[in-house]
């Protein structure tokens, strides 16, 4: 996605918080913050939000000498959703089956997507299941899913991944083959491939690493296995804003079901909703056809 003016202070705010919260001494923090500003100063009106976010987070990891600065936050997010949200959610949806269940679980996963310290205003640990959907294309999504044989499911944040696991279980219950894509290296509080396996995704799907720690799938940043998973899927379910932004830059030749919470004006505008609203939207390319069962 092409950068908006608001993206530069947003990225700087997130990365500066990460540097300030580190164990670096004050002199090192000053130097790191200045270098961070230098990286952002190279932006131009055609810069990619995803590439800039990725580059700056890599800089933070290198600066603070930590391969996964959000490891504890991710553990706490998963525990919060698993213990406080999931039991109530499963009880509420106990009578649903098939695509209706998938649709309701996807909507609930948007609420858990609010656990996102990488976006200003979403740092607190709290989940409210009453998120308003500003764009709700579940009917079209369910039509495509019901006619599919294979789904590629791109994970996003920890916390919501607990709900994603239930979505994958429901998809398997529909006799669908599922490939789950997760980052091979840490990016903010997103689930890594090792964490996805530890959470149990491998019991219901083939778990595939993206091959990098990029914020989202981009050409040149994807492993051959990840590319094959996307190419062989009939439908792609992409969680979160970063995956939406990435597919604004390039579009796989398959229908993509985007599931996200619009936390900023650039993404909200592109998705056609208001800031703070949820999105379940289908992106269909010119080359995409409804898959045959």
Protein backbone atom coordinates (compact mmCIF):
# COMPACT_ATOMS: atom_id res chain seq x y z
CA UNK A 1 0.00 0.00 0.00
CA UNK A 2 1.32 3.43 -0.90
CA UNK A 3 2.25 5.53 2.11
CA UNK A 4 0.01 8.26 3.48
CA UNK A 5 1.38 11.25 5.44
CA UNK A 6 -0.12 9.76 8.63
CA UNK A 7 1.94 6.58 8.21
CA UNK A 8 5.30 8.21 8.98
CA UNK A 9 4.48 9.50 12.49
CA UNK A 10 2.52 6.29 13.18
CA UNK A 11 5.49 4.05 12.37
CA UNK A 12 7.89 6.34 14.23
CA UNK A 13 5.61 6.29 17.28
CA UNK A 14 5.49 2.48 17.38
CA UNK A 15 9.21 2.01 16.83
CA UNK A 16 10.23 4.74 19.26
CA UNK A 17 8.12 3.10 22.00
CA UNK A 18 9.91 -0.17 21.34
CA UNK A 19 13.31 1.49 21.60
CA UNK A 20 12.40 3.48 24.71
CA UNK A 21 11.07 0.34 26.43
CA UNK A 22 14.31 -1.56 25.77
CA UNK A 23 17.25 -2.08 28.11
CA UNK A 24 19.50 0.21 26.06
CA UNK A 25 21.22 3.01 27.97
CA UNK A 26 20.08 6.57 27.33
CA UNK A 27 22.90 7.44 24.96
CA UNK A 28 22.18 4.36 22.83
CA UNK A 29 18.47 5.18 22.77
CA UNK A 30 19.20 8.69 21.51
CA UNK A 31 21.41 7.32 18.77
CA UNK A 32 18.86 4.67 17.79
CA UNK A 33 15.98 7.15 17.71
CA UNK A 34 18.00 9.47 15.50
CA UNK A 35 18.88 6.63 13.12
CA UNK A 36 15.21 5.59 13.06
CA UNK A 37 14.27 9.11 12.01
CA UNK A 38 16.90 8.84 9.27
CA UNK A 39 15.35 5.66 7.89
CA UNK A 40 11.93 7.29 7.79
CA UNK A 41 13.36 10.43 6.21
CA UNK A 42 14.16 8.39 3.11
CA UNK A 43 10.42 7.89 2.47
CA UNK A 44 8.80 9.29 -0.64
CA UNK A 45 5.18 9.47 -1.86
CA UNK A 46 5.59 6.07 -3.53
CA UNK A 47 7.02 4.24 -0.52
CA UNK A 48 5.40 1.00 0.61
CA UNK A 49 3.91 1.01 4.11
CA UNK A 50 4.68 -2.69 4.50
CA UNK A 51 8.30 -2.43 3.41
CA UNK A 52 8.88 0.62 5.61
CA UNK A 53 7.28 -1.03 8.64
CA UNK A 54 9.37 -4.15 8.05
CA UNK A 55 12.63 -2.25 7.60
CA UNK A 56 12.12 -0.19 10.76
CA UNK A 57 11.20 -3.21 12.90
CA UNK A 58 14.27 -5.05 11.67
CA UNK A 59 16.26 -2.00 12.74
CA UNK A 60 14.70 -2.13 16.21
CA UNK A 61 15.46 -5.85 16.65
CA UNK A 62 19.05 -5.25 15.63
CA UNK A 63 19.37 -2.20 17.89
CA UNK A 64 17.98 -3.83 21.03
CA UNK A 65 19.65 -7.19 20.27
CA UNK A 66 16.38 -9.11 20.58
CA UNK A 67 15.03 -11.49 17.96
CA UNK A 68 11.48 -11.29 19.37
CA UNK A 69 10.82 -8.18 21.50
CA UNK A 70 7.11 -9.01 21.85
CA UNK A 71 7.45 -12.63 23.01
CA UNK A 72 5.96 -12.00 26.47
CA UNK A 73 3.15 -9.81 25.10
CA UNK A 74 2.23 -12.59 22.67
CA UNK A 75 2.07 -15.16 25.45
CA UNK A 76 -0.15 -12.87 27.53
CA UNK A 77 -2.41 -12.13 24.56
CA UNK A 78 -2.95 -15.82 23.82
CA UNK A 79 -3.63 -16.54 27.48
CA UNK A 80 -6.15 -13.68 27.73
CA UNK A 81 -8.16 -14.80 24.71
CA UNK A 82 -7.90 -18.50 25.55
CA UNK A 83 -9.08 -18.08 29.13
CA UNK A 84 -11.46 -15.11 29.06
CA UNK A 85 -12.81 -14.85 25.53
CA UNK A 86 -12.83 -18.26 23.91
CA UNK A 87 -15.06 -20.12 26.43
CA UNK A 88 -17.80 -17.49 26.12
CA UNK A 89 -17.44 -17.38 22.35
CA UNK A 90 -17.67 -21.14 21.87
CA UNK A 91 -20.68 -21.29 24.19
CA UNK A 92 -22.41 -18.60 22.14
CA UNK A 93 -21.69 -20.37 18.86
CA UNK A 94 -22.28 -23.93 20.04
CA UNK A 95 -25.29 -24.52 17.76
CA UNK A 96 -23.64 -23.27 14.57
CA UNK A 97 -21.99 -25.41 11.93
CA UNK A 98 -20.26 -25.04 8.57
CA UNK A 99 -19.85 -21.69 6.92
CA UNK A 100 -22.17 -19.95 9.35
CA UNK A 101 -19.81 -20.94 12.16
CA UNK A 102 -16.79 -19.84 10.12
CA UNK A 103 -18.37 -16.44 9.47
CA UNK A 104 -19.17 -15.81 13.13
CA UNK A 105 -15.70 -16.91 14.23
CA UNK A 106 -14.08 -14.59 11.69
CA UNK A 107 -16.19 -11.71 12.99
CA UNK A 108 -15.12 -12.54 16.56
CA UNK A 109 -11.46 -12.72 15.52
CA UNK A 110 -11.71 -9.06 14.49
CA UNK A 111 -12.39 -8.13 18.11
CA UNK A 112 -9.28 -10.00 19.25
CA UNK A 113 -7.31 -8.16 16.56
CA UNK A 114 -7.56 -5.11 18.84
CA UNK A 115 -4.62 -6.54 20.80
CA UNK A 116 -1.98 -4.70 18.81
CA UNK A 117 0.77 -2.68 20.53
CA UNK A 118 2.23 -1.88 17.12
CA UNK A 119 -0.60 0.59 16.46
CA UNK A 120 -1.00 3.71 18.64
CA UNK A 121 -4.14 3.44 20.75
CA UNK A 122 -4.25 -0.38 20.78
CA UNK A 123 -1.57 -1.11 23.36
CA UNK A 124 -3.87 -2.16 26.22
CA UNK A 125 -4.82 -5.78 26.94
CA UNK A 126 -8.58 -5.89 26.37
CA UNK A 127 -11.06 -7.52 24.01
CA UNK A 128 -14.62 -6.34 23.31
CA UNK A 129 -16.60 -8.81 21.18
CA UNK A 130 -19.12 -6.15 20.14
CA UNK A 131 -17.08 -4.76 17.23
CA UNK A 132 -19.15 -3.10 14.50
CA UNK A 133 -18.59 -4.40 10.98
CA UNK A 134 -18.49 -1.51 8.55
CA UNK A 135 -18.19 -3.94 5.65
CA UNK A 136 -19.62 -7.43 5.93
CA UNK A 137 -19.27 -9.67 2.87
CA UNK A 138 -19.62 -12.97 4.70
CA UNK A 139 -22.25 -14.20 2.27
CA UNK A 140 -19.90 -13.90 -0.71
CA UNK A 141 -17.00 -15.27 1.34
CA UNK A 142 -19.05 -18.30 2.38
CA UNK A 143 -20.09 -18.93 -1.22
CA UNK A 144 -16.45 -19.03 -2.30
CA UNK A 145 -15.37 -21.14 0.68
CA UNK A 146 -18.21 -23.63 0.17
CA UNK A 147 -17.05 -24.24 -3.42
CA UNK A 148 -13.37 -24.55 -2.52
CA UNK A 149 -11.20 -27.57 -1.85
CA UNK A 150 -8.14 -25.83 -0.40
CA UNK A 151 -7.84 -22.72 1.77
CA UNK A 152 -4.69 -20.70 2.48
CA UNK A 153 -5.08 -18.97 5.84
CA UNK A 154 -2.60 -16.15 6.60
CA UNK A 155 -2.21 -15.52 10.32
CA UNK A 156 -1.72 -12.13 11.95
CA UNK A 157 -1.56 -11.20 15.64
CA UNK A 158 -1.22 -13.36 18.71
CA UNK A 159 -4.43 -13.35 20.73
CA UNK A 160 -6.65 -13.43 17.68
CA UNK A 161 -4.71 -16.52 16.59
CA UNK A 162 -6.51 -18.41 19.37
CA UNK A 163 -9.76 -17.67 17.52
CA UNK A 164 -8.08 -18.39 14.18
CA UNK A 165 -7.40 -21.91 15.39
CA UNK A 166 -11.15 -22.38 15.88
CA UNK A 167 -11.74 -21.07 12.35
CA UNK A 168 -9.28 -23.61 10.97
CA UNK A 169 -11.01 -26.38 12.93
CA UNK A 170 -14.36 -25.29 11.44
CA UNK A 171 -12.89 -25.26 7.93
CA UNK A 172 -11.55 -28.77 8.43
CA UNK A 173 -15.01 -29.74 9.62
CA UNK A 174 -16.24 -28.67 6.17
CA UNK A 175 -13.83 -31.20 4.63
CA UNK A 176 -11.49 -28.49 3.36
CA UNK A 177 -7.72 -28.80 3.10
CA UNK A 178 -6.09 -25.88 4.92
CA UNK A 179 -2.64 -24.34 4.64
CA UNK A 180 -1.78 -21.96 7.47
CA UNK A 181 0.88 -19.33 6.70
CA UNK A 182 2.83 -17.72 9.53
CA UNK A 183 5.96 -15.58 9.62
CA UNK A 184 9.29 -17.38 9.75
CA UNK A 185 10.75 -14.61 11.92
CA UNK A 186 9.27 -12.27 14.50
CA UNK A 187 7.43 -9.15 13.41
CA UNK A 188 5.80 -7.14 16.23
CA UNK A 189 3.21 -9.32 18.00
CA UNK A 190 2.42 -11.48 14.98
CA UNK A 191 2.43 -15.25 15.33
CA UNK A 192 5.54 -17.00 14.03
CA UNK A 193 5.50 -20.39 12.36
CA UNK A 194 7.02 -22.04 15.44
CA UNK A 195 4.36 -20.47 17.66
CA UNK A 196 1.60 -21.59 15.28
CA UNK A 197 2.84 -25.17 15.52
CA UNK A 198 3.04 -24.92 19.33
CA UNK A 199 -0.55 -23.63 19.43
CA UNK A 200 -1.78 -26.76 17.65
CA UNK A 201 -2.44 -25.52 14.11
CA UNK A 202 -0.47 -28.46 12.75
CA UNK A 203 -3.15 -30.88 13.98
CA UNK A 204 -5.68 -29.39 11.56
CA UNK A 205 -3.63 -27.82 8.77
CA UNK A 206 -0.27 -27.80 7.05
CA UNK A 207 1.68 -24.96 8.67
CA UNK A 208 3.96 -23.08 6.30
CA UNK A 209 6.57 -20.43 7.08
CA UNK A 210 6.57 -17.33 4.91
CA UNK A 211 10.35 -17.48 4.69
CA UNK A 212 10.94 -14.07 6.28
CA UNK A 213 9.99 -11.65 9.05
CA UNK A 214 8.30 -9.25 6.63
CA UNK A 215 5.16 -7.56 7.97
CA UNK A 216 3.12 -9.27 5.25
CA UNK A 217 3.53 -11.38 2.09
CA UNK A 218 5.44 -9.46 -0.57
CA UNK A 219 7.26 -10.57 -3.72
CA UNK A 220 10.88 -11.25 -2.88
CA UNK A 221 10.04 -11.96 0.75
CA UNK A 222 8.18 -15.26 0.34
CA UNK A 223 9.52 -18.79 0.49
CA UNK A 224 8.82 -21.20 -2.37
CA UNK A 225 6.59 -23.23 -0.06
CA UNK A 226 4.55 -20.15 0.85
CA UNK A 227 4.19 -19.15 -2.80
CA UNK A 228 3.01 -22.66 -3.63
CA UNK A 229 0.46 -22.58 -0.80
CA UNK A 230 -0.99 -19.32 -2.09
CA UNK A 231 -0.95 -20.45 -5.73
CA UNK A 232 -2.60 -23.79 -5.04
CA UNK A 233 -5.38 -22.44 -2.80
CA UNK A 234 -8.87 -21.85 -4.14
CA UNK A 235 -9.49 -19.12 -1.57
CA UNK A 236 -7.08 -17.11 0.60
CA UNK A 237 -8.18 -15.83 4.02
CA UNK A 238 -5.89 -12.96 5.03
CA UNK A 239 -6.02 -11.65 8.58
CA UNK A 240 -5.16 -8.11 9.65
CA UNK A 241 -4.26 -4.74 8.18
CA UNK A 242 -0.74 -5.61 7.03
CA UNK A 243 -1.97 -8.40 4.77
CA UNK A 244 -4.61 -6.04 3.37
CA UNK A 245 -1.93 -3.42 2.68
CA UNK A 246 0.32 -5.99 1.02
CA UNK A 247 -2.42 -7.14 -1.34
CA UNK A 248 -3.03 -3.53 -2.29
CA UNK A 249 0.43 -3.76 -3.89
CA UNK A 250 0.08 -7.14 -5.56
CA UNK A 251 -2.91 -9.41 -5.94
CA UNK A 252 -2.73 -13.20 -5.99
CA UNK A 253 -4.79 -14.66 -8.84
CA UNK A 254 -7.25 -16.10 -6.31
CA UNK A 255 -10.12 -14.61 -4.29
CA UNK A 256 -8.90 -13.14 -0.99
CA UNK A 257 -11.16 -12.81 2.04
CA UNK A 258 -9.79 -9.95 4.12
CA UNK A 259 -10.63 -9.97 7.83
CA UNK A 260 -9.41 -6.98 9.84
CA UNK A 261 -10.05 -4.11 12.19
CA UNK A 262 -9.48 -0.74 10.48
CA UNK A 263 -7.28 0.99 13.05
CA UNK A 264 -6.12 3.91 10.92
CA UNK A 265 -7.46 6.28 8.29
CA UNK A 266 -5.39 5.00 5.33
CA UNK A 267 -6.60 1.41 5.74
CA UNK A 268 -10.15 2.42 6.66
CA UNK A 269 -10.34 4.59 3.55
CA UNK A 270 -8.99 1.83 1.30
CA UNK A 271 -11.42 -0.70 2.80
CA UNK A 272 -14.39 1.68 2.57
CA UNK A 273 -15.17 1.85 6.31
CA UNK A 274 -14.72 4.19 9.26
CA UNK A 275 -11.75 4.02 11.62
CA UNK A 276 -12.50 1.49 14.36
CA UNK A 277 -14.86 -0.62 12.25
CA UNK A 278 -14.35 -4.25 11.33
CA UNK A 279 -14.03 -5.57 7.79
CA UNK A 280 -14.86 -8.87 6.14
CA UNK A 281 -14.30 -8.11 2.47
CA UNK A 282 -13.71 -10.21 -0.63
CA UNK A 283 -11.02 -9.14 -3.08
CA UNK A 284 -11.48 -10.86 -6.44
CA UNK A 285 -8.89 -10.33 -9.16
CA UNK A 286 -9.61 -10.24 -12.89
CA UNK A 287 -8.08 -13.69 -13.21
CA UNK A 288 -9.90 -15.20 -10.25
CA UNK A 289 -12.74 -17.61 -10.95
CA UNK A 290 -15.06 -19.30 -8.51
CA UNK A 291 -13.28 -22.62 -7.83
CA UNK A 292 -15.08 -25.83 -8.76
CA UNK A 293 -15.64 -28.51 -6.17
